[in-house]
Amino acid sequence: MHGVLDVLLVEDDELIREATRLTLEERGYRVRTAADGLAGLALFRERHPDVAVLDIMLPGLNGVSLAGRIRAESRVPVLLISARNEPVDVVMGLEAGADDYVTKPFDGPVLVARIRSLLRRVAPAAQPAQSPRLHFGDLEFCRVSLTARRDGKPLALTMTELKLLSEFAAAPGTVLSRDLLLERVWDYAWSGDTRVVDVHVQRLRAKIGRDRIETVRGFGYKLRA
């Protein structure tokens, strides 16, 4: 990961936008801002940021649609900013490809912690002591390059989906609780919204095979060995 990291911040409320920009710049990030979705998309394509922070309620192109546009072009981490009364929009945003979200009003340190968590997810992985390539039927996962193939064909997984698959692949047949996955994949040191896990598991299932990850009702999920 290079020195100064670029954050794209798309927020239509000027006060929130400027306060958030100052918070991130104080932490050493270089911040590019836009006040609407279309301007945000243009800025994303121009600047190629390391992470995108998007308000859900944006004029022109809302944050959910913008997240989908970004995900169609890039694996860059996407963090949504949501009002507390937007639970449906949050789920839609996660389904569109966003990696995580924070709710308004939020504290600066919380936002910074979530961004750092997303950026750690895309950092180069350390060389594992065990075999780097794991096979589960027609599914192959490489823990070094964080890539996956099915029937020999590369799978287009986001970094969050790859990290999630990595956790399952490290313990095939073992039930992993939603809270454990929140801690390991999203770096939540506290109880978080398990919908984040459920939506990403559904997205992962759609790509690696819906019967590959089993739901253990009342506990969590496991990868079928």
Foldseek 3Di string as FASTA:
>chain_A
DDDAFEEEEEAQPVVVQVVLCVLVVVVRHHYDYHNALVVSLVVCVVPVGQEYEAEQDGPPAGPLRSLLVDLVPDLRAYEYEYEPPPPVSQLSSVLSPHQYYDYPPDDSVVVVLQVVLSNVLPPFDDDDPDQQWDDDPQKIAGNRVLWIDGVNHTFSDHSLLSQLVVVQRVPAPDFDFLQNSCCRRRVDPDDDDSSSVVSSLVVSCVTHPVVQWDADPPGHIHGHD
